[in-house]
Amino acid sequence: MTIPDYESVMLPLLQFAGDEQEHSLRDAYEKLADHFDLSQDERKELLPSGQQEVFHNRVGWARTYLKKAGLLESTRRGYLRITERGINVLGEHLDRIDSRYLEQYEEFRLFKAIKRKKETERKPSPSESVETTPEEALENAYEGLRDNLVSELLEQLKSSSSSLFEKIVVELLVKMGYGGTRKDAGKAIGGSGDEGIDGIIKEDRLGLDIIYIQAKKWENTVGRPEIQKFAGALQGQRARKGIFITTSSFSREAYEYASRIDSKIVLIDGDILSQLMIDNNLGVSPTAIYEIKRIDSDYFTEE
């Protein structure tokens, strides 16, 4: 049997999780490979990058789409469980689940709408050629993979403990050049915990200035009152700089207020936080590296 596409994997994956127990992705790969009667060669077939099995990749995308539709949930890293909505879907005794079926769920429509919007923004204008070059196609695919990684990272951040979230914030700031050593930064953050301040960190390795930090693992939008409270806390410490980090988002009023006050407060929402983690290789690891080469004309020029 040929390796099934990721949409063909959706229903069997949901059925596999139908016992309402927590399952590892590793077990899912094996059970689904047996379900589709894949040969050993088909199970080991790799993507062109040579870094991941084709079937694992397709199961991973099926899981992502089912999660976006609210049929599966991540219980912890590398594990999944069916949701109540997923149980109800199994009760419909469907022959197939695909992207068109998942469009009935608002969360999935929002996910697809954001994905389509970003893809549209990357498309050439009408005055440009309709056909994209191989380089453009590769860049578009890369952006799509990065968008999905941002979403996955944010989900992991929201499900992490407060202490782990604090640790991630510290490590990110250190990787970005703040706080001196990891040891120094670890002592700084979480030290005060009062007056709206969660911690402090050095602006540079010499400690010429101090940055105050508010790091909150929230679901709701952060509004102006919270930023005002943080700004007041900075004034109480005679501080000039602060960073407010959240796993959610900020309201327009919050951004406007932060831009008008004398203190410099940088607002980092969940999306930006995930982007910074990717850019600084924190919580992610490379699975493939593609190197694009062109002819070196100078090499073929005769002296």
C-alpha atoms as a PDB file:
ATOM      1  CA  MET A   1       0.000   0.000   0.000  1.00  0.00           C
ATOM      2  CA  THR A   2       1.212   3.506  -0.763  1.00  0.00           C
ATOM      3  CA  ILE A   3       1.772   5.969   2.069  1.00  0.00           C
ATOM      4  CA  PRO A   4      -1.557   7.786   2.734  1.00  0.00           C
ATOM      5  CA  ASP A   5      -1.821  11.580   2.557  1.00  0.00           C
ATOM      6  CA  TYR A   6      -2.323  13.487   5.799  1.00  0.00           C
ATOM      7  CA  GLU A   7      -6.084  13.912   5.283  1.00  0.00           C
ATOM      8  CA  SER A   8      -6.517  10.159   4.939  1.00  0.00           C
ATOM      9  CA  VAL A   9      -4.749   9.816   8.282  1.00  0.00           C
ATOM     10  CA  MET A  10      -7.174  12.126  10.148  1.00  0.00           C
ATOM     11  CA  LEU A  11     -10.043   9.732  10.842  1.00  0.00           C
ATOM     12  CA  PRO A  12      -7.856   6.721  11.781  1.00  0.00           C
ATOM     13  CA  LEU A  13      -5.841   8.961  14.108  1.00  0.00           C
ATOM     14  CA  LEU A  14      -9.006  10.188  15.810  1.00  0.00           C
ATOM     15  CA  GLN A  15     -10.277   6.615  16.077  1.00  0.00           C
ATOM     16  CA  PHE A  16      -6.955   5.550  17.600  1.00  0.00           C
ATOM     17  CA  ALA A  17      -7.466   8.161  20.341  1.00  0.00           C
ATOM     18  CA  GLY A  18     -11.120   7.208  20.752  1.00  0.00           C
ATOM     19  CA  ASP A  19     -10.539   5.299  23.998  1.00  0.00           C
ATOM     20  CA  GLU A  20     -10.148   8.726  25.691  1.00  0.00           C
ATOM     21  CA  GLN A  21      -6.738   7.773  27.084  1.00  0.00           C
ATOM     22  CA  GLU A  22      -3.495   9.701  26.756  1.00  0.00           C
ATOM     23  CA  HIS A  23      -1.342   8.349  23.921  1.00  0.00           C
ATOM     24  CA  SER A  24       2.167   9.096  22.757  1.00  0.00           C
ATOM     25  CA  LEU A  25       2.810  10.135  19.183  1.00  0.00           C
ATOM     26  CA  ARG A  26       5.262   7.271  18.893  1.00  0.00           C
ATOM     27  CA  ASP A  27       2.484   4.767  19.613  1.00  0.00           C
ATOM     28  CA  ALA A  28       0.212   6.572  17.154  1.00  0.00           C
ATOM     29  CA  TYR A  29       2.812   6.234  14.376  1.00  0.00           C
ATOM     30  CA  GLU A  30       3.172   2.512  14.957  1.00  0.00           C
ATOM     31  CA  LYS A  31      -0.546   1.753  15.266  1.00  0.00           C
ATOM     32  CA  LEU A  32      -1.428   3.804  12.196  1.00  0.00           C
ATOM     33  CA  ALA A  33       1.379   2.246  10.167  1.00  0.00           C
ATOM     34  CA  ASP A  34      -0.129  -1.136  11.050  1.00  0.00           C
ATOM     35  CA  HIS A  35      -3.615   0.164  10.208  1.00  0.00           C
ATOM     36  CA  PHE A  36      -2.493   1.173   6.719  1.00  0.00           C
ATOM     37  CA  ASP A  37      -0.469  -2.043   6.364  1.00  0.00           C
ATOM     38  CA  LEU A  38       2.695  -0.144   5.446  1.00  0.00           C
ATOM     39  CA  SER A  39       5.778  -2.126   4.569  1.00  0.00           C
ATOM     40  CA  GLN A  40       9.044  -1.600   6.414  1.00  0.00           C
ATOM     41  CA  ASP A  41      10.395   0.334   3.433  1.00  0.00           C
ATOM     42  CA  GLU A  42       7.334   2.602   3.404  1.00  0.00           C
ATOM     43  CA  ARG A  43       7.657   3.219   7.144  1.00  0.00           C
ATOM     44  CA  LYS A  44      11.292   4.210   6.703  1.00  0.00           C
ATOM     45  CA  GLU A  45      10.847   6.320   3.555  1.00  0.00           C
ATOM     46  CA  LEU A  46      12.314   9.773   4.161  1.00  0.00           C
ATOM     47  CA  LEU A  47      11.454  13.256   2.990  1.00  0.00           C
ATOM     48  CA  PRO A  48      13.868  14.759   0.430  1.00  0.00           C
ATOM     49  CA  SER A  49      15.742  16.401   3.311  1.00  0.00           C
ATOM     50  CA  GLY A  50      16.511  12.944   4.699  1.00  0.00           C
ATOM     51  CA  GLN A  51      15.713  14.165   8.209  1.00  0.00           C
ATOM     52  CA  GLN A  52      12.207  12.769   8.836  1.00  0.00           C
ATOM     53  CA  GLU A  53      10.061   9.852   7.752  1.00  0.00           C
ATOM     54  CA  VAL A  54       7.310  10.740   5.263  1.00  0.00           C
ATOM     55  CA  PHE A  55       4.639   8.902   7.235  1.00  0.00           C
ATOM     56  CA  HIS A  56       5.640  10.551  10.522  1.00  0.00           C
ATOM     57  CA  ASN A  57       5.409  13.921   8.822  1.00  0.00           C
ATOM     58  CA  ARG A  58       1.908  13.226   7.533  1.00  0.00           C
ATOM     59  CA  VAL A  59       0.674  11.921  10.884  1.00  0.00           C
ATOM     60  CA  GLY A  60       2.086  15.084  12.459  1.00  0.00           C
ATOM     61  CA  TRP A  61       0.146  17.332  10.089  1.00  0.00           C
ATOM     62  CA  ALA A  62      -3.045  15.301  10.602  1.00  0.00           C
ATOM     63  CA  ARG A  63      -2.641  15.779  14.349  1.00  0.00           C
ATOM     64  CA  THR A  64      -2.083  19.538  13.895  1.00  0.00           C
ATOM     65  CA  TYR A  65      -5.271  19.969  11.853  1.00  0.00           C
ATOM     66  CA  LEU A  66      -7.339  17.905  14.294  1.00  0.00           C
ATOM     67  CA  LYS A  67      -5.974  19.989  17.170  1.00  0.00           C
ATOM     68  CA  LYS A  68      -6.797  23.235  15.380  1.00  0.00           C
ATOM     69  CA  ALA A  69     -10.382  21.987  15.006  1.00  0.00           C
ATOM     70  CA  GLY A  70     -10.562  21.070  18.690  1.00  0.00           C
ATOM     71  CA  LEU A  71     -10.887  17.313  18.159  1.00  0.00           C
ATOM     72  CA  LEU A  72      -7.552  16.455  19.774  1.00  0.00           C
ATOM     73  CA  GLU A  73      -5.535  18.160  22.499  1.00  0.00           C
ATOM     74  CA  SER A  74      -1.916  18.002  23.626  1.00  0.00           C
ATOM     75  CA  THR A  75      -1.634  16.758  27.197  1.00  0.00           C
ATOM     76  CA  ARG A  76       2.140  17.172  27.300  1.00  0.00           C
ATOM     77  CA  ARG A  77       5.027  17.164  24.882  1.00  0.00           C
ATOM     78  CA  GLY A  78       4.703  14.291  22.413  1.00  0.00           C
ATOM     79  CA  TYR A  79       1.334  13.140  23.747  1.00  0.00           C
ATOM     80  CA  LEU A  80      -2.275  13.586  22.672  1.00  0.00           C
ATOM     81  CA  ARG A  81      -5.811  12.850  23.825  1.00  0.00           C
ATOM     82  CA  ILE A  82      -9.213  13.076  22.215  1.00  0.00           C
ATOM     83  CA  THR A  83     -11.545  15.887  23.301  1.00  0.00           C
ATOM     84  CA  GLU A  84     -15.276  15.758  23.971  1.00  0.00           C
ATOM     85  CA  ARG A  85     -15.820  17.274  20.543  1.00  0.00           C
ATOM     86  CA  GLY A  86     -13.703  14.526  19.028  1.00  0.00           C
ATOM     87  CA  ILE A  87     -15.796  11.877  20.778  1.00  0.00           C
ATOM     88  CA  ASN A  88     -18.932  13.447  19.329  1.00  0.00           C
ATOM     89  CA  VAL A  89     -17.403  13.365  15.845  1.00  0.00           C
ATOM     90  CA  LEU A  90     -16.647   9.650  16.175  1.00  0.00           C
ATOM     91  CA  GLY A  91     -20.303   9.179  17.085  1.00  0.00           C
ATOM     92  CA  GLU A  92     -21.231  10.397  13.602  1.00  0.00           C
ATOM     93  CA  HIS A  93     -19.645   7.236  12.120  1.00  0.00           C
ATOM     94  CA  LEU A  94     -17.971   9.129   9.295  1.00  0.00           C
ATOM     95  CA  ASP A  95     -16.183   7.482   6.392  1.00  0.00           C
ATOM     96  CA  ARG A  96     -13.589  10.263   6.169  1.00  0.00           C
ATOM     97  CA  ILE A  97     -12.416  13.467   7.850  1.00  0.00           C
ATOM     98  CA  ASP A  98     -10.664  16.107   5.782  1.00  0.00           C
ATOM     99  CA  SER A  99     -10.042  19.858   5.782  1.00  0.00           C
ATOM    100  CA  ARG A 100     -13.429  20.568   4.224  1.00  0.00           C
ATOM    101  CA  TYR A 101     -15.178  18.737   7.071  1.00  0.00           C
ATOM    102  CA  LEU A 102     -13.114  20.608   9.684  1.00  0.00           C
ATOM    103  CA  GLU A 103     -14.210  23.951   8.201  1.00  0.00           C
ATOM    104  CA  GLN A 104     -17.418  23.708  10.275  1.00  0.00           C
ATOM    105  CA  TYR A 105     -15.433  24.608  13.409  1.00  0.00           C
ATOM    106  CA  GLU A 106     -14.747  28.274  14.078  1.00  0.00           C
ATOM    107  CA  GLU A 107     -11.280  27.649  15.515  1.00  0.00           C
ATOM    108  CA  PHE A 108     -10.231  25.792  12.380  1.00  0.00           C
ATOM    109  CA  ARG A 109     -11.709  28.471  10.096  1.00  0.00           C
ATOM    110  CA  LEU A 110      -9.743  31.114  11.989  1.00  0.00           C
ATOM    111  CA  PHE A 111      -6.568  29.063  11.681  1.00  0.00           C
ATOM    112  CA  LYS A 112      -7.102  28.642   7.931  1.00  0.00           C
ATOM    113  CA  ALA A 113      -8.038  32.304   7.488  1.00  0.00           C
ATOM    114  CA  ILE A 114      -4.808  33.457   9.130  1.00  0.00           C
ATOM    115  CA  LYS A 115      -2.851  30.939   7.074  1.00  0.00           C
ATOM    116  CA  ARG A 116      -4.531  32.074   3.834  1.00  0.00           C
ATOM    117  CA  LYS A 117      -3.975  35.734   4.696  1.00  0.00           C
ATOM    118  CA  LYS A 118      -0.268  35.185   5.170  1.00  0.00           C
ATOM    119  CA  GLU A 119      -0.077  33.156   1.963  1.00  0.00           C
ATOM    120  CA  THR A 120      -1.919  35.936   0.066  1.00  0.00           C
ATOM    121  CA  GLU A 121       0.494  38.529   1.429  1.00  0.00           C
ATOM    122  CA  ARG A 122       3.364  36.472   0.040  1.00  0.00           C
ATOM    123  CA  LYS A 123       1.851  36.079  -3.436  1.00  0.00           C
ATOM    124  CA  PRO A 124       3.078  38.297  -6.289  1.00  0.00           C
ATOM    125  CA  SER A 125       1.015  41.299  -7.367  1.00  0.00           C
ATOM    126  CA  PRO A 126      -1.130  41.077 -10.560  1.00  0.00           C
ATOM    127  CA  SER A 127       1.564  42.929 -12.476  1.00  0.00           C
ATOM    128  CA  GLU A 128       4.027  40.190 -11.640  1.00  0.00           C
ATOM    129  CA  SER A 129       4.168  36.749 -13.148  1.00  0.00           C
ATOM    130  CA  VAL A 130       1.482  34.365 -11.911  1.00  0.00           C
ATOM    131  CA  GLU A 131       3.986  31.546 -11.844  1.00  0.00           C
ATOM    132  CA  THR A 132       6.313  31.667  -8.862  1.00  0.00           C
ATOM    133  CA  THR A 133       9.972  30.833  -9.165  1.00  0.00           C
ATOM    134  CA  PRO A 134      11.375  27.783  -7.354  1.00  0.00           C
ATOM    135  CA  GLU A 135      13.026  30.146  -4.852  1.00  0.00           C
ATOM    136  CA  GLU A 136       9.705  31.874  -4.159  1.00  0.00           C
ATOM    137  CA  ALA A 137       7.929  28.553  -3.742  1.00  0.00           C
ATOM    138  CA  LEU A 138      10.585  27.432  -1.279  1.00  0.00           C
ATOM    139  CA  GLU A 139      10.317  30.665   0.704  1.00  0.00           C
ATOM    140  CA  ASN A 140       6.514  30.426   0.794  1.00  0.00           C
ATOM    141  CA  ALA A 141       6.721  26.853   2.055  1.00  0.00           C
ATOM    142  CA  TYR A 142       9.261  27.918   4.680  1.00  0.00           C
ATOM    143  CA  GLU A 143       6.970  30.705   5.909  1.00  0.00           C
ATOM    144  CA  GLY A 144       4.073  28.273   6.139  1.00  0.00           C
ATOM    145  CA  LEU A 145       6.137  25.860   8.236  1.00  0.00           C
ATOM    146  CA  ARG A 146       7.312  28.717  10.460  1.00  0.00           C
ATOM    147  CA  ASP A 147       3.750  29.946  11.010  1.00  0.00           C
ATOM    148  CA  ASN A 148       2.743  26.483  12.145  1.00  0.00           C
ATOM    149  CA  LEU A 149       5.778  26.267  14.432  1.00  0.00           C
ATOM    150  CA  VAL A 150       4.851  29.610  16.021  1.00  0.00           C
ATOM    151  CA  SER A 151       1.385  28.250  16.741  1.00  0.00           C
ATOM    152  CA  GLU A 152       2.773  25.032  18.225  1.00  0.00           C
ATOM    153  CA  LEU A 153       5.272  26.923  20.381  1.00  0.00           C
ATOM    154  CA  LEU A 154       2.595  29.245  21.736  1.00  0.00           C
ATOM    155  CA  GLU A 155       0.452  26.256  22.637  1.00  0.00           C
ATOM    156  CA  GLN A 156       3.382  24.731  24.537  1.00  0.00           C
ATOM    157  CA  LEU A 157       4.008  28.015  26.374  1.00  0.00           C
ATOM    158  CA  LYS A 158       0.382  28.287  27.454  1.00  0.00           C
ATOM    159  CA  SER A 159       0.357  24.733  28.784  1.00  0.00           C
ATOM    160  CA  SER A 160       3.672  25.066  30.650  1.00  0.00           C
ATOM    161  CA  SER A 161       3.905  25.759  34.374  1.00  0.00           C
ATOM    162  CA  SER A 162       4.521  29.285  35.646  1.00  0.00           C
ATOM    163  CA  SER A 163       8.006  28.325  36.837  1.00  0.00           C
ATOM    164  CA  LEU A 164       8.915  26.858  33.421  1.00  0.00           C
ATOM    165  CA  PHE A 165       7.518  29.932  31.662  1.00  0.00           C
ATOM    166  CA  GLU A 166       9.681  32.136  33.912  1.00  0.00           C
ATOM    167  CA  LYS A 167      12.732  30.013  33.082  1.00  0.00           C
ATOM    168  CA  ILE A 168      12.008  30.280  29.342  1.00  0.00           C
ATOM    169  CA  VAL A 169      11.743  34.068  29.574  1.00  0.00           C
ATOM    170  CA  VAL A 170      15.111  34.244  31.352  1.00  0.00           C
ATOM    171  CA  GLU A 171      16.851  31.989  28.851  1.00  0.00           C
ATOM    172  CA  LEU A 172      15.435  33.937  25.927  1.00  0.00           C
ATOM    173  CA  LEU A 173      16.617  37.282  27.301  1.00  0.00           C
ATOM    174  CA  VAL A 174      20.076  35.846  27.972  1.00  0.00           C
ATOM    175  CA  LYS A 175      20.265  34.462  24.417  1.00  0.00           C
ATOM    176  CA  MET A 176      19.339  37.926  23.164  1.00  0.00           C
ATOM    177  CA  GLY A 177      22.305  39.404  25.059  1.00  0.00           C
ATOM    178  CA  TYR A 178      20.681  40.594  28.266  1.00  0.00           C
ATOM    179  CA  GLY A 179      21.417  39.667  31.855  1.00  0.00           C
ATOM    180  CA  GLY A 180      25.077  38.716  31.654  1.00  0.00           C
ATOM    181  CA  THR A 181      25.308  35.030  32.553  1.00  0.00           C
ATOM    182  CA  ARG A 182      22.429  32.582  32.905  1.00  0.00           C
ATOM    183  CA  LYS A 183      23.250  32.332  36.610  1.00  0.00           C
ATOM    184  CA  ASP A 184      23.034  36.110  37.120  1.00  0.00           C
ATOM    185  CA  ALA A 185      19.747  36.311  35.223  1.00  0.00           C
ATOM    186  CA  GLY A 186      18.273  33.445  37.205  1.00  0.00           C
ATOM    187  CA  LYS A 187      18.928  35.273  40.436  1.00  0.00           C
ATOM    188  CA  ALA A 188      17.433  38.471  39.118  1.00  0.00           C
ATOM    189  CA  ILE A 189      14.073  37.361  37.820  1.00  0.00           C
ATOM    190  CA  GLY A 190      11.268  36.569  40.195  1.00  0.00           C
ATOM    191  CA  GLY A 191      13.094  38.263  43.026  1.00  0.00           C
ATOM    192  CA  SER A 192      10.642  41.007  43.866  1.00  0.00           C
ATOM    193  CA  GLY A 193       7.186  39.752  42.984  1.00  0.00           C
ATOM    194  CA  ASP A 194       5.549  42.914  44.322  1.00  0.00           C
ATOM    195  CA  GLU A 195       4.243  46.205  43.017  1.00  0.00           C
ATOM    196  CA  GLY A 196       3.516  44.700  39.611  1.00  0.00           C
ATOM    197  CA  ILE A 197       7.102  43.618  38.960  1.00  0.00           C
ATOM    198  CA  ASP A 198       8.053  39.956  38.487  1.00  0.00           C
ATOM    199  CA  GLY A 199      11.800  40.416  38.236  1.00  0.00           C
ATOM    200  CA  ILE A 200      14.758  42.378  37.000  1.00  0.00           C
ATOM    201  CA  ILE A 201      17.567  41.683  34.565  1.00  0.00           C
ATOM    202  CA  LYS A 202      20.689  43.534  33.452  1.00  0.00           C
ATOM    203  CA  GLU A 203      20.455  45.386  30.160  1.00  0.00           C
ATOM    204  CA  ASP A 204      23.986  44.342  29.230  1.00  0.00           C
ATOM    205  CA  ARG A 205      26.792  42.182  30.521  1.00  0.00           C
ATOM    206  CA  LEU A 206      28.320  45.103  32.436  1.00  0.00           C
ATOM    207  CA  GLY A 207      25.080  45.847  34.232  1.00  0.00           C
ATOM    208  CA  LEU A 208      25.054  49.524  33.192  1.00  0.00           C
ATOM    209  CA  ASP A 209      21.267  49.614  33.459  1.00  0.00           C
ATOM    210  CA  ILE A 210      18.448  47.481  34.816  1.00  0.00           C
ATOM    211  CA  ILE A 211      15.322  46.324  32.992  1.00  0.00           C
ATOM    212  CA  TYR A 212      12.235  45.394  34.981  1.00  0.00           C
ATOM    213  CA  ILE A 213      10.146  42.464  33.788  1.00  0.00           C
ATOM    214  CA  GLN A 214       6.506  41.497  33.935  1.00  0.00           C
ATOM    215  CA  ALA A 215       5.978  37.958  32.602  1.00  0.00           C
ATOM    216  CA  LYS A 216       2.406  36.701  32.603  1.00  0.00           C
ATOM    217  CA  LYS A 217       0.981  33.440  31.275  1.00  0.00           C
ATOM    218  CA  TRP A 218      -2.474  34.760  30.383  1.00  0.00           C
ATOM    219  CA  GLU A 219      -5.301  33.854  28.009  1.00  0.00           C
ATOM    220  CA  ASN A 220      -7.209  37.147  28.013  1.00  0.00           C
ATOM    221  CA  THR A 221      -6.075  40.294  26.208  1.00  0.00           C
ATOM    222  CA  VAL A 222      -3.857  42.547  28.320  1.00  0.00           C
ATOM    223  CA  GLY A 223      -5.438  46.000  28.499  1.00  0.00           C
ATOM    224  CA  ARG A 224      -4.281  49.488  29.382  1.00  0.00           C
ATOM    225  CA  PRO A 225      -4.905  49.134  33.169  1.00  0.00           C
ATOM    226  CA  GLU A 226      -2.261  46.407  33.457  1.00  0.00           C
ATOM    227  CA  ILE A 227       0.295  48.494  31.567  1.00  0.00           C
ATOM    228  CA  GLN A 228      -0.532  51.509  33.753  1.00  0.00           C
ATOM    229  CA  LYS A 229       0.033  49.389  36.842  1.00  0.00           C
ATOM    230  CA  PHE A 230       3.385  48.219  35.502  1.00  0.00           C
ATOM    231  CA  ALA A 231       4.384  51.794  34.586  1.00  0.00           C
ATOM    232  CA  GLY A 232       3.520  52.908  38.103  1.00  0.00           C
ATOM    233  CA  ALA A 233       5.667  50.130  39.528  1.00  0.00           C
ATOM    234  CA  LEU A 234       8.580  51.305  37.384  1.00  0.00           C
ATOM    235  CA  GLN A 235       8.192  54.837  38.718  1.00  0.00           C
ATOM    236  CA  GLY A 236       8.167  53.475  42.255  1.00  0.00           C
ATOM    237  CA  GLN A 237      11.555  51.881  41.552  1.00  0.00           C
ATOM    238  CA  ARG A 238      12.825  54.997  39.736  1.00  0.00           C
ATOM    239  CA  ALA A 239      13.264  52.748  36.726  1.00  0.00           C
ATOM    240  CA  ARG A 240      13.131  53.852  33.103  1.00  0.00           C
ATOM    241  CA  LYS A 241      12.850  50.589  31.185  1.00  0.00           C
ATOM    242  CA  GLY A 242      10.553  47.596  31.334  1.00  0.00           C
ATOM    243  CA  ILE A 243       9.448  44.556  29.349  1.00  0.00           C
ATOM    244  CA  PHE A 244       5.915  43.186  29.588  1.00  0.00           C
ATOM    245  CA  ILE A 245       5.735  39.639  28.232  1.00  0.00           C
ATOM    246  CA  THR A 246       2.519  37.640  27.880  1.00  0.00           C
ATOM    247  CA  THR A 247       1.325  34.511  26.130  1.00  0.00           C
ATOM    248  CA  SER A 248      -1.838  36.350  25.049  1.00  0.00           C
ATOM    249  CA  SER A 249      -2.102  39.713  23.242  1.00  0.00           C
ATOM    250  CA  PHE A 250      -2.316  43.437  24.005  1.00  0.00           C
ATOM    251  CA  SER A 251      -5.213  45.763  23.307  1.00  0.00           C
ATOM    252  CA  ARG A 252      -4.843  48.805  21.047  1.00  0.00           C
ATOM    253  CA  GLU A 253      -5.226  51.049  24.122  1.00  0.00           C
ATOM    254  CA  ALA A 254      -2.356  49.219  25.815  1.00  0.00           C
ATOM    255  CA  TYR A 255      -0.049  49.879  22.862  1.00  0.00           C
ATOM    256  CA  GLU A 256      -1.098  53.518  22.657  1.00  0.00           C
ATOM    257  CA  TYR A 257      -0.513  54.096  26.361  1.00  0.00           C
ATOM    258  CA  ALA A 258       2.925  52.431  26.290  1.00  0.00           C
ATOM    259  CA  SER A 259       3.943  54.639  23.352  1.00  0.00           C
ATOM    260  CA  ARG A 260       2.987  57.887  25.122  1.00  0.00           C
ATOM    261  CA  ILE A 261       4.589  57.570  28.550  1.00  0.00           C
ATOM    262  CA  ASP A 262       8.134  58.630  29.482  1.00  0.00           C
ATOM    263  CA  SER A 263       9.175  55.159  30.633  1.00  0.00           C
ATOM    264  CA  LYS A 264      10.220  52.837  27.826  1.00  0.00           C
ATOM    265  CA  ILE A 265       8.016  49.732  28.031  1.00  0.00           C
ATOM    266  CA  VAL A 266       8.360  47.041  25.369  1.00  0.00           C
ATOM    267  CA  LEU A 267       5.275  44.859  24.868  1.00  0.00           C
ATOM    268  CA  ILE A 268       5.908  41.280  23.741  1.00  0.00           C
ATOM    269  CA  ASP A 269       2.812  39.207  22.986  1.00  0.00           C
ATOM    270  CA  GLY A 270       2.596  35.458  22.490  1.00  0.00           C
ATOM    271  CA  ASP A 271       3.219  35.598  18.751  1.00  0.00           C
ATOM    272  CA  ILE A 272       6.313  37.794  19.061  1.00  0.00           C
ATOM    273  CA  LEU A 273       7.579  35.678  21.959  1.00  0.00           C
ATOM    274  CA  SER A 274       7.325  32.545  19.824  1.00  0.00           C
ATOM    275  CA  GLN A 275       9.048  34.290  16.903  1.00  0.00           C
ATOM    276  CA  LEU A 276      11.905  35.367  19.166  1.00  0.00           C
ATOM    277  CA  MET A 277      12.284  31.828  20.481  1.00  0.00           C
ATOM    278  CA  ILE A 278      12.576  30.505  16.910  1.00  0.00           C
ATOM    279  CA  ASP A 279      15.058  33.207  15.907  1.00  0.00           C
ATOM    280  CA  ASN A 280      17.197  32.443  18.951  1.00  0.00           C
ATOM    281  CA  ASN A 281      16.899  28.632  18.686  1.00  0.00           C
ATOM    282  CA  LEU A 282      15.170  28.251  22.044  1.00  0.00           C
ATOM    283  CA  GLY A 283      12.758  25.359  22.444  1.00  0.00           C
ATOM    284  CA  VAL A 284      13.199  24.346  18.801  1.00  0.00           C
ATOM    285  CA  SER A 285      15.666  22.208  16.888  1.00  0.00           C
ATOM    286  CA  PRO A 286      16.431  22.048  13.165  1.00  0.00           C
ATOM    287  CA  THR A 287      15.132  19.058  11.221  1.00  0.00           C
ATOM    288  CA  ALA A 288      16.460  20.051   7.808  1.00  0.00           C
ATOM    289  CA  ILE A 289      18.740  22.677   6.285  1.00  0.00           C
ATOM    290  CA  TYR A 290      18.493  23.532   2.597  1.00  0.00           C
ATOM    291  CA  GLU A 291      21.339  25.353   0.895  1.00  0.00           C
ATOM    292  CA  ILE A 292      20.585  27.145  -2.374  1.00  0.00           C
ATOM    293  CA  LYS A 293      23.538  27.486  -4.727  1.00  0.00           C
ATOM    294  CA  ARG A 294      24.067  29.423  -7.933  1.00  0.00           C
ATOM    295  CA  ILE A 295      26.682  29.306 -10.626  1.00  0.00           C
ATOM    296  CA  ASP A 296      29.825  31.262  -9.745  1.00  0.00           C
ATOM    297  CA  SER A 297      30.357  33.113 -13.004  1.00  0.00           C
ATOM    298  CA  ASP A 298      33.760  34.397 -11.916  1.00  0.00           C
ATOM    299  CA  TYR A 299      35.016  30.830 -11.580  1.00  0.00           C
ATOM    300  CA  PHE A 300      34.407  30.173 -15.271  1.00  0.00           C
ATOM    301  CA  THR A 301      36.004  33.414 -16.446  1.00  0.00           C
ATOM    302  CA  GLU A 302      39.281  32.797 -18.219  1.00  0.00           C
ATOM    303  CA  GLU A 303      42.223  34.933 -17.177  1.00  0.00           C
END
